[in-house]
Amino acid sequence: MGSSLLSPPGEHPGFYRAIDLIEELSPPITGELGDILLGSPSLALLATQHVKVTELNAAISRLNAAVKAPEQLTRRSQRLAKLGSLLRLRYQHHSEQSDIAAAIDYLNQAFELTPKNDPNMVIYADCLVDSLYARYERTGNIININRAIDVLNQAVQSVLTESHKLWICLTRLGLLFLTRHTQTESFEDADMGTGYLGQALVHCPENNPRRHVIFKGLGELYRSRFAHSSKLDDLEASIAYHQMLLKCLPDQSVSQGLCLSDCGKLYYTRSKELQGAPYSMAEASYFARAIPLLNASPRLQMVSYDEWTEILFEMNDSAPLEAFDQAMEVVQQAASLGCVTVQQRRSMARLLDRSTLAAAAAIELGDYSLALKWLEQSRSLAFIDPAKMSQERVMLQNLHPGLAADLEEVLSHLDDATHLRSLWDDFIQGPTETYDTQKEIRGLI
């Protein structure tokens, strides 16, 4: 890779003419460099920030012409893969469905043309699977996941046991089965997912920063298995993997807060399954530790409060009212922002429904003002119409565009600060992806 491919320093900070490097056709594209240059989601992340669209379009046009030229089979596969990768980058930039469809078509051709013993085959498979998953996220069509599973199954069979690629392919396969399981609720998919993620854990280096994704995937799958099987072993496995996950997560992070909340719910489920086993103070404290970590997101706090207060009322705990009072304050904040997910809307509805029970408990203690406060909050919040809130935002945009822009920026920063990546994205991007990727590209070029 000669320096002639690079633009003058500073022309594209952090991107370093990566498109020109993807276009270079002479050297084989294997190993770590191939991972970065061929359809890497990490590179796509940087491209959205730094690439010039005119250059991207020109590169795609040149490769479109190149793939139509008669040439050797190996070289054609490389060009098809590179063209598909560039289209994937452009899709990341503009979200045009025609780009992701074309990317999948070209990457699929490259994958099918490449012999199973070719070291590039696994790279092409990774790129194709990533594009299929991107289209699944856009359309929700499970056909994309089915094809991705088929492609990775073929790739795994060609990966040597000692290859660093093996645990990555196994993890992706496990996550794909987890994704399909969330739609199909198939016990077979859950079994396949736990099997592949279990194998991935065996082959994954203990110090790898993405190991936590395997723990989280296994924790979710075993919890889902327990919901279908009612086998205590599945519940215990889910608890064990959540505890392993907890040790991997950054202190005082939103992710740690969500994991603590999950642990609190899992331990309470176990205490009920063991019929009378005490729900210890240490286990009950998981929610109390979780909620302050979710302070940046009233929506996420509300979901945690929903689960916690449900447990407190079921246990006839002596102190559910203080927690419920805090929960109702959070509900008001979340309502002002609007609930984004179905889970958040359901949590709000359950907390509002629970206000009558909480008010009755407050009256028993002689606290009539607290009971009245909750009933009034519940009544006023129950009439909030998300569609009407959306219309009011449009009206604000029309009347006071500057103020509306400031409001949207604040809400956007709030959402970004607590945005939950899917396990798939978390595995691809890693915990400090932007910094690591820039450093990696600079070191290789």
Protein backbone atom coordinates (compact mmCIF):
# COMPACT_ATOMS: atom_id res chain seq x y z
CA MET A 1 0.00 0.00 0.00
CA GLY A 2 1.86 3.01 -1.20
CA SER A 3 1.62 6.49 0.21
CA SER A 4 0.56 7.73 -3.24
CA LEU A 5 -2.92 6.51 -2.41
CA LEU A 6 -3.23 8.94 0.47
CA SER A 7 -4.57 12.44 0.14
CA PRO A 8 -2.67 15.39 1.64
CA PRO A 9 -2.72 15.31 5.47
CA GLY A 10 -5.86 16.79 6.98
CA GLU A 11 -8.00 16.66 3.85
CA HIS A 12 -10.23 13.99 5.34
CA PRO A 13 -9.39 13.69 9.08
CA GLY A 14 -9.85 10.17 10.43
CA PHE A 15 -10.87 8.70 7.07
CA TYR A 16 -7.53 8.82 5.19
CA ARG A 17 -8.87 8.04 1.74
CA ALA A 18 -10.13 4.63 2.80
CA ILE A 19 -12.29 4.44 -0.30
CA ASP A 20 -9.19 4.52 -2.51
CA LEU A 21 -7.80 1.68 -0.44
CA ILE A 22 -10.96 -0.36 -0.87
CA GLU A 23 -10.72 0.24 -4.62
CA GLU A 24 -7.12 -0.94 -4.93
CA LEU A 25 -7.37 -4.20 -6.84
CA SER A 26 -3.89 -5.72 -6.94
CA PRO A 27 -3.06 -7.12 -3.46
CA PRO A 28 -5.05 -9.94 -1.85
CA ILE A 29 -7.44 -8.66 0.81
CA THR A 30 -6.88 -11.01 3.69
CA GLY A 31 -6.43 -10.76 7.42
CA GLU A 32 -7.00 -7.74 9.61
CA LEU A 33 -6.62 -5.23 6.79
CA GLY A 34 -9.29 -7.02 4.79
CA ASP A 35 -11.64 -6.91 7.76
CA ILE A 36 -11.32 -3.16 7.96
CA LEU A 37 -11.45 -2.35 4.27
CA LEU A 38 -14.12 -4.76 3.07
CA GLY A 39 -17.53 -3.60 4.16
CA SER A 40 -16.48 -3.02 7.76
CA PRO A 41 -19.32 -1.44 9.76
CA SER A 42 -16.58 0.36 11.70
CA LEU A 43 -15.37 1.98 8.51
CA ALA A 44 -18.95 2.77 7.57
CA LEU A 45 -19.29 4.55 10.89
CA LEU A 46 -16.32 6.76 10.03
CA ALA A 47 -17.47 7.20 6.46
CA THR A 48 -20.73 8.78 7.57
CA GLN A 49 -18.69 11.44 9.34
CA HIS A 50 -15.86 12.14 6.87
CA VAL A 51 -16.44 10.84 3.35
CA LYS A 52 -17.31 13.08 0.41
CA VAL A 53 -20.39 11.75 -1.32
CA THR A 54 -19.06 12.72 -4.76
CA GLU A 55 -15.99 10.53 -4.24
CA LEU A 56 -18.10 7.64 -3.01
CA ASN A 57 -20.38 7.88 -6.05
CA ALA A 58 -17.39 8.08 -8.40
CA ALA A 59 -15.79 5.02 -6.79
CA ILE A 60 -19.02 3.05 -7.17
CA SER A 61 -19.31 4.06 -10.84
CA ARG A 62 -15.73 2.95 -11.57
CA LEU A 63 -16.22 -0.41 -9.88
CA ASN A 64 -19.56 -0.91 -11.61
CA ALA A 65 -17.70 -0.69 -14.91
CA ALA A 66 -14.89 -2.91 -13.63
CA VAL A 67 -17.14 -5.83 -12.63
CA LYS A 68 -18.52 -6.01 -16.16
CA ALA A 69 -15.07 -6.56 -17.67
CA PRO A 70 -14.00 -10.16 -18.48
CA GLU A 71 -11.27 -11.29 -16.08
CA GLN A 72 -10.04 -14.09 -13.83
CA LEU A 73 -12.52 -15.54 -11.37
CA THR A 74 -10.62 -14.52 -8.23
CA ARG A 75 -10.28 -10.94 -9.32
CA ARG A 76 -13.95 -10.72 -10.22
CA SER A 77 -14.91 -11.92 -6.73
CA GLN A 78 -12.75 -9.22 -5.18
CA ARG A 79 -14.24 -6.50 -7.33
CA LEU A 80 -17.79 -7.66 -6.63
CA ALA A 81 -17.05 -7.67 -2.90
CA LYS A 82 -15.51 -4.21 -3.02
CA LEU A 83 -18.44 -2.81 -4.99
CA GLY A 84 -20.88 -4.34 -2.53
CA SER A 85 -18.87 -2.86 0.34
CA LEU A 86 -18.95 0.62 -1.16
CA LEU A 87 -22.71 0.39 -1.68
CA ARG A 88 -23.01 -0.68 1.96
CA LEU A 89 -21.07 2.45 2.93
CA ARG A 90 -23.37 4.61 0.84
CA TYR A 91 -26.41 2.97 2.42
CA GLN A 92 -24.98 3.86 5.83
CA HIS A 93 -24.72 7.43 4.57
CA HIS A 94 -28.12 7.82 2.86
CA SER A 95 -30.30 4.81 3.85
CA GLU A 96 -31.42 4.20 0.27
CA GLN A 97 -33.01 0.73 0.04
CA SER A 98 -31.74 0.33 -3.53
CA ASP A 99 -28.15 0.61 -2.22
CA ILE A 100 -28.51 -2.11 0.40
CA ALA A 101 -30.30 -4.37 -2.11
CA ALA A 102 -27.49 -3.91 -4.65
CA ALA A 103 -24.84 -4.39 -1.94
CA ILE A 104 -26.40 -7.71 -0.95
CA ASP A 105 -26.62 -8.80 -4.58
CA TYR A 106 -22.94 -8.07 -5.32
CA LEU A 107 -21.67 -9.50 -2.03
CA ASN A 108 -23.77 -12.61 -2.58
CA GLN A 109 -22.20 -13.08 -6.02
CA ALA A 110 -18.72 -12.67 -4.53
CA PHE A 111 -19.50 -15.19 -1.80
CA GLU A 112 -20.93 -17.77 -4.21
CA LEU A 113 -17.99 -17.42 -6.64
CA THR A 114 -15.32 -17.86 -3.95
CA PRO A 115 -14.00 -21.37 -3.18
CA LYS A 116 -14.57 -22.56 0.39
CA ASN A 117 -10.82 -22.84 1.00
CA ASP A 118 -10.13 -19.25 -0.08
CA PRO A 119 -9.17 -17.09 2.95
CA ASN A 120 -11.29 -14.25 1.54
CA MET A 121 -14.45 -16.36 1.72
CA VAL A 122 -14.98 -15.66 5.43
CA ILE A 123 -14.46 -11.93 4.86
CA TYR A 124 -17.05 -11.92 2.07
CA ALA A 125 -19.41 -13.87 4.32
CA ASP A 126 -19.00 -11.30 7.12
CA CYS A 127 -19.72 -8.44 4.73
CA LEU A 128 -22.76 -10.17 3.25
CA VAL A 129 -24.16 -11.06 6.67
CA ASP A 130 -23.71 -7.50 7.91
CA SER A 131 -25.61 -6.15 4.90
CA LEU A 132 -28.39 -8.70 5.35
CA TYR A 133 -28.71 -7.71 9.00
CA ALA A 134 -28.83 -4.02 8.03
CA ARG A 135 -31.75 -4.76 5.69
CA TYR A 136 -33.46 -6.83 8.39
CA GLU A 137 -33.25 -3.86 10.77
CA ARG A 138 -34.82 -1.68 8.09
CA THR A 139 -37.59 -4.05 6.96
CA GLY A 140 -38.07 -6.57 9.77
CA ASN A 141 -38.18 -9.33 7.15
CA ILE A 142 -36.94 -12.57 8.73
CA ILE A 143 -35.85 -13.89 5.30
CA ASN A 144 -32.70 -11.76 5.70
CA ILE A 145 -31.84 -13.49 8.99
CA ASN A 146 -32.48 -16.93 7.47
CA ARG A 147 -30.07 -16.18 4.62
CA ALA A 148 -27.48 -14.73 7.02
CA ILE A 149 -27.61 -17.91 9.12
CA ASP A 150 -27.13 -20.05 6.01
CA VAL A 151 -24.12 -17.96 4.89
CA LEU A 152 -22.42 -18.05 8.29
CA ASN A 153 -23.04 -21.78 8.66
CA GLN A 154 -21.05 -22.29 5.45
CA ALA A 155 -18.33 -19.89 6.62
CA VAL A 156 -17.88 -21.60 10.00
CA GLN A 157 -17.21 -24.93 8.30
CA SER A 158 -14.24 -23.43 6.44
CA VAL A 159 -12.66 -21.67 9.45
CA LEU A 160 -9.76 -23.45 11.12
CA THR A 161 -10.16 -24.18 14.83
CA GLU A 162 -7.11 -22.10 15.74
CA SER A 163 -8.21 -19.10 13.65
CA HIS A 164 -9.10 -15.87 15.44
CA LYS A 165 -12.08 -15.75 13.08
CA LEU A 166 -13.79 -18.79 14.60
CA TRP A 167 -15.15 -17.24 17.78
CA ILE A 168 -16.33 -14.19 15.81
CA CYS A 169 -18.29 -16.34 13.34
CA LEU A 170 -19.72 -18.44 16.19
CA THR A 171 -20.79 -15.32 18.09
CA ARG A 172 -22.49 -13.87 15.04
CA LEU A 173 -24.31 -17.14 14.42
CA GLY A 174 -25.49 -17.21 18.03
CA LEU A 175 -26.72 -13.62 17.81
CA LEU A 176 -28.57 -14.37 14.57
CA PHE A 177 -30.39 -17.28 16.21
CA LEU A 178 -31.18 -15.01 19.18
CA THR A 179 -32.59 -12.41 16.76
CA ARG A 180 -34.74 -15.00 15.02
CA HIS A 181 -35.84 -16.44 18.36
CA THR A 182 -37.22 -13.05 19.43
CA GLN A 183 -39.60 -13.25 16.46
CA THR A 184 -40.36 -16.96 16.23
CA GLU A 185 -40.08 -17.88 19.94
CA SER A 186 -38.79 -21.19 18.61
CA PHE A 187 -37.23 -23.36 21.30
CA GLU A 188 -34.96 -24.84 18.61
CA ASP A 189 -33.62 -21.36 17.78
CA ALA A 190 -32.92 -20.75 21.48
CA ASP A 191 -31.06 -24.07 21.66
CA MET A 192 -29.01 -23.28 18.57
CA GLY A 193 -28.22 -19.80 19.89
CA THR A 194 -27.01 -21.04 23.28
CA GLY A 195 -24.98 -23.75 21.54
CA TYR A 196 -23.13 -21.39 19.20
CA LEU A 197 -22.58 -18.71 21.85
CA GLY A 198 -21.32 -21.36 24.26
CA GLN A 199 -18.78 -22.49 21.66
CA ALA A 200 -17.83 -18.86 20.99
CA LEU A 201 -17.12 -18.35 24.68
CA VAL A 202 -14.70 -21.29 24.65
CA HIS A 203 -12.72 -19.83 21.73
CA CYS A 204 -12.93 -16.13 22.66
CA PRO A 205 -9.79 -14.72 24.35
CA GLU A 206 -10.51 -13.92 28.00
CA ASN A 207 -9.24 -10.36 27.67
CA ASN A 208 -11.28 -9.52 24.57
CA PRO A 209 -13.40 -6.37 25.19
CA ARG A 210 -16.34 -7.81 23.21
CA ARG A 211 -16.66 -10.88 25.42
CA HIS A 212 -19.52 -9.18 27.29
CA VAL A 213 -21.74 -9.53 24.20
CA ILE A 214 -21.54 -13.33 24.51
CA PHE A 215 -22.48 -13.16 28.21
CA LYS A 216 -25.47 -10.92 27.46
CA GLY A 217 -26.65 -13.10 24.58
CA LEU A 218 -26.43 -16.26 26.70
CA GLY A 219 -28.19 -14.52 29.60
CA GLU A 220 -31.08 -13.47 27.37
CA LEU A 221 -31.40 -16.86 25.68
CA TYR A 222 -31.39 -18.83 28.93
CA ARG A 223 -33.96 -16.46 30.44
CA SER A 224 -36.17 -17.02 27.39
CA ARG A 225 -35.61 -20.78 27.61
CA PHE A 226 -36.74 -20.70 31.25
CA ALA A 227 -39.92 -18.86 30.27
CA HIS A 228 -40.77 -21.80 27.99
CA SER A 229 -39.31 -24.73 29.94
CA SER A 230 -39.76 -23.61 33.59
CA LYS A 231 -36.53 -25.50 34.27
CA LEU A 232 -34.62 -24.03 37.18
CA ASP A 233 -31.31 -24.89 35.49
CA ASP A 234 -32.12 -22.43 32.69
CA LEU A 235 -32.92 -19.70 35.22
CA GLU A 236 -29.70 -20.38 37.16
CA ALA A 237 -27.70 -20.23 33.93
CA SER A 238 -29.28 -16.88 33.04
CA ILE A 239 -28.40 -15.50 36.48
CA ALA A 240 -24.82 -16.77 36.18
CA TYR A 241 -24.29 -15.14 32.77
CA HIS A 242 -25.84 -11.87 33.94
CA GLN A 243 -23.39 -11.86 36.86
CA MET A 244 -20.49 -12.43 34.45
CA LEU A 245 -21.83 -9.60 32.29
CA LEU A 246 -22.03 -7.31 35.31
CA LYS A 247 -18.30 -7.72 35.93
CA CYS A 248 -17.49 -6.70 32.33
CA LEU A 249 -19.52 -3.50 32.16
CA PRO A 250 -18.13 -0.03 32.90
CA ASP A 251 -18.88 1.24 36.41
CA GLN A 252 -21.65 3.81 36.73
CA SER A 253 -22.84 3.20 33.15
CA VAL A 254 -26.37 2.91 31.79
CA SER A 255 -25.54 -0.64 30.66
CA GLN A 256 -24.57 -1.54 34.21
CA GLY A 257 -27.85 -0.08 35.47
CA LEU A 258 -29.90 -2.17 33.04
CA CYS A 259 -27.98 -5.32 33.97
CA LEU A 260 -28.53 -4.66 37.70
CA SER A 261 -32.24 -4.26 37.03
CA ASP A 262 -32.29 -7.57 35.12
CA CYS A 263 -30.47 -9.28 38.00
CA GLY A 264 -33.04 -7.98 40.50
CA LYS A 265 -35.89 -9.43 38.46
CA LEU A 266 -34.12 -12.77 37.89
CA TYR A 267 -33.35 -13.25 41.58
CA TYR A 268 -36.96 -12.50 42.50
CA THR A 269 -38.15 -15.04 39.93
CA ARG A 270 -35.84 -17.60 41.51
CA SER A 271 -37.16 -16.89 45.01
CA LYS A 272 -40.71 -17.57 43.76
CA GLU A 273 -39.64 -20.75 41.96
CA LEU A 274 -38.01 -22.07 45.11
CA GLN A 275 -41.37 -21.61 46.90
CA GLY A 276 -40.72 -19.53 49.91
CA ALA A 277 -36.98 -18.98 49.54
CA PRO A 278 -36.33 -15.49 50.92
CA TYR A 279 -35.68 -12.62 48.55
CA SER A 280 -32.61 -11.35 50.38
CA MET A 281 -31.79 -7.70 51.01
CA ALA A 282 -28.74 -8.04 48.76
CA GLU A 283 -30.91 -9.32 45.91
CA ALA A 284 -33.56 -6.66 46.50
CA SER A 285 -30.89 -3.95 46.42
CA TYR A 286 -30.18 -4.54 42.71
CA PHE A 287 -33.03 -2.20 41.73
CA ALA A 288 -31.97 0.47 44.22
CA ARG A 289 -28.47 0.36 42.74
CA ALA A 290 -29.76 0.32 39.15
CA ILE A 291 -32.12 3.29 39.14
CA PRO A 292 -29.57 6.07 39.88
CA LEU A 293 -27.45 4.80 36.98
CA LEU A 294 -30.44 5.27 34.65
CA ASN A 295 -30.93 8.87 35.77
CA ALA A 296 -30.08 10.26 32.33
CA SER A 297 -33.08 8.47 30.81
CA PRO A 298 -36.49 8.77 32.50
CA ARG A 299 -37.83 6.25 29.98
CA LEU A 300 -35.38 3.54 31.07
CA GLN A 301 -35.83 4.46 34.74
CA MET A 302 -39.58 4.07 34.33
CA VAL A 303 -39.21 0.50 33.04
CA SER A 304 -36.98 -0.36 36.01
CA TYR A 305 -39.40 1.26 38.48
CA ASP A 306 -42.25 -0.70 36.91
CA GLU A 307 -40.46 -4.01 37.59
CA TRP A 308 -39.31 -2.96 41.06
CA THR A 309 -42.65 -1.65 42.36
CA GLU A 310 -44.44 -4.72 41.00
CA ILE A 311 -42.12 -6.90 43.12
CA LEU A 312 -42.50 -4.64 46.18
CA PHE A 313 -46.30 -4.77 46.05
CA GLU A 314 -46.27 -8.54 45.48
CA MET A 315 -44.04 -8.95 48.53
CA ASN A 316 -46.21 -6.59 50.63
CA ASP A 317 -42.97 -4.79 51.34
CA SER A 318 -43.13 -2.18 54.07
CA ALA A 319 -41.55 0.50 51.89
CA PRO A 320 -43.11 0.35 48.40
CA LEU A 321 -44.67 3.80 48.73
CA GLU A 322 -41.41 5.74 48.69
CA ALA A 323 -40.30 3.86 45.57
CA PHE A 324 -43.71 4.36 43.95
CA ASP A 325 -43.65 8.11 44.65
CA GLN A 326 -40.28 8.32 42.89
CA ALA A 327 -41.69 6.20 40.06
CA MET A 328 -44.60 8.58 39.47
CA GLU A 329 -42.22 11.53 39.22
CA VAL A 330 -40.25 9.64 36.58
CA VAL A 331 -43.48 8.77 34.73
CA GLN A 332 -44.23 12.49 34.44
CA GLN A 333 -40.77 13.17 33.00
CA ALA A 334 -41.05 10.25 30.57
CA ALA A 335 -44.52 11.39 29.49
CA SER A 336 -43.18 14.84 28.64
CA LEU A 337 -40.57 13.23 26.35
CA GLY A 338 -42.94 10.68 24.86
CA CYS A 339 -42.55 6.90 25.16
CA VAL A 340 -40.57 5.45 22.28
CA THR A 341 -40.89 1.69 22.62
CA VAL A 342 -43.81 -0.65 23.26
CA GLN A 343 -42.13 -1.77 26.50
CA GLN A 344 -41.95 1.83 27.74
CA ARG A 345 -45.62 2.47 26.96
CA ARG A 346 -46.62 -0.72 28.76
CA SER A 347 -44.51 0.20 31.79
CA MET A 348 -46.20 3.61 31.97
CA ALA A 349 -49.65 2.03 31.72
CA ARG A 350 -48.87 -0.51 34.47
CA LEU A 351 -47.51 2.15 36.82
CA LEU A 352 -50.59 4.30 36.27
CA ASP A 353 -52.84 1.28 36.92
CA ARG A 354 -50.85 0.56 40.10
CA SER A 355 -51.59 4.05 41.45
CA THR A 356 -54.96 2.90 42.85
CA LEU A 357 -53.29 0.12 44.83
CA ALA A 358 -50.61 2.53 46.03
CA ALA A 359 -53.21 5.12 47.02
CA ALA A 360 -55.10 2.50 49.05
CA ALA A 361 -51.86 1.58 50.85
CA ALA A 362 -51.18 5.26 51.58
CA ILE A 363 -54.70 5.72 53.00
CA GLU A 364 -54.16 2.73 55.30
CA LEU A 365 -51.12 4.56 56.67
CA GLY A 366 -53.18 7.74 57.06
CA ASP A 367 -51.36 9.65 54.32
CA TYR A 368 -54.37 11.03 52.43
CA SER A 369 -52.43 13.81 50.68
CA LEU A 370 -50.05 11.29 49.10
CA ALA A 371 -52.96 9.11 47.96
CA LEU A 372 -54.69 12.12 46.40
CA LYS A 373 -51.47 13.20 44.68
CA TRP A 374 -51.03 9.82 42.98
CA LEU A 375 -54.66 9.58 41.89
CA GLU A 376 -54.49 13.08 40.37
CA GLN A 377 -51.20 12.28 38.62
CA SER A 378 -52.65 9.06 37.26
CA ARG A 379 -55.76 10.78 35.99
CA SER A 380 -53.87 13.60 34.24
CA LEU A 381 -51.23 11.31 32.70
CA ALA A 382 -53.80 8.78 31.49
CA PHE A 383 -55.13 11.37 29.04
CA ILE A 384 -51.77 12.07 27.41
CA ASP A 385 -52.06 11.31 23.70
CA PRO A 386 -48.69 10.61 21.99
CA ALA A 387 -50.17 11.59 18.61
CA LYS A 388 -51.33 14.92 20.03
CA MET A 389 -47.87 15.54 21.50
CA SER A 390 -46.39 14.93 18.06
CA GLN A 391 -48.82 17.44 16.51
CA GLU A 392 -47.86 20.00 19.15
CA ARG A 393 -44.19 19.59 18.23
CA VAL A 394 -45.04 20.25 14.57
CA MET A 395 -46.98 23.36 15.62
CA LEU A 396 -44.01 24.56 17.67
CA GLN A 397 -41.75 23.98 14.66
CA ASN A 398 -44.01 26.16 12.49
CA LEU A 399 -44.43 28.98 15.02
CA HIS A 400 -41.00 29.04 16.65
CA PRO A 401 -38.52 27.10 14.47
CA GLY A 402 -35.47 28.28 16.46
CA LEU A 403 -36.92 27.19 19.79
CA ALA A 404 -38.10 23.90 18.28
CA ALA A 405 -34.61 23.21 16.91
CA ASP A 406 -33.07 23.85 20.34
CA LEU A 407 -35.60 21.49 21.93
CA GLU A 408 -34.94 18.75 19.39
CA GLU A 409 -31.18 19.11 19.90
CA VAL A 410 -31.57 18.69 23.66
CA LEU A 411 -33.80 15.64 23.21
CA SER A 412 -31.39 14.21 20.63
CA HIS A 413 -28.43 14.56 22.99
CA LEU A 414 -30.47 12.95 25.74
CA ASP A 415 -31.38 10.01 23.50
CA ASP A 416 -27.80 9.66 22.24
CA ALA A 417 -26.44 9.57 25.77
CA THR A 418 -28.63 6.60 26.66
CA HIS A 419 -29.06 4.99 23.24
CA LEU A 420 -29.11 1.21 23.53
CA ARG A 421 -27.31 -0.51 20.69
CA SER A 422 -28.51 -3.91 19.65
CA LEU A 423 -26.26 -6.80 20.66
CA TRP A 424 -25.31 -7.12 16.99
CA ASP A 425 -24.16 -3.48 16.78
CA ASP A 426 -22.47 -3.72 20.17
CA PHE A 427 -20.48 -6.72 18.96
CA ILE A 428 -19.53 -5.06 15.66
CA GLN A 429 -18.60 -1.65 17.05
CA GLY A 430 -17.13 -2.58 20.42
CA PRO A 431 -17.03 -0.43 23.56
CA THR A 432 -14.76 2.38 22.25
CA GLU A 433 -15.22 1.85 18.55
CA THR A 434 -14.71 5.26 16.96
CA TYR A 435 -11.38 5.88 18.66
CA ASP A 436 -10.12 2.34 18.19
CA THR A 437 -11.08 2.23 14.52
CA GLN A 438 -9.40 5.52 13.66
CA LYS A 439 -6.23 4.38 15.38
CA GLU A 440 -6.42 1.01 13.63
CA ILE A 441 -6.80 2.53 10.16
CA ARG A 442 -4.00 5.03 10.77
CA GLY A 443 -1.69 2.25 11.87
CA LEU A 444 -2.38 0.11 8.83
CA ILE A 445 -2.17 2.76 6.14
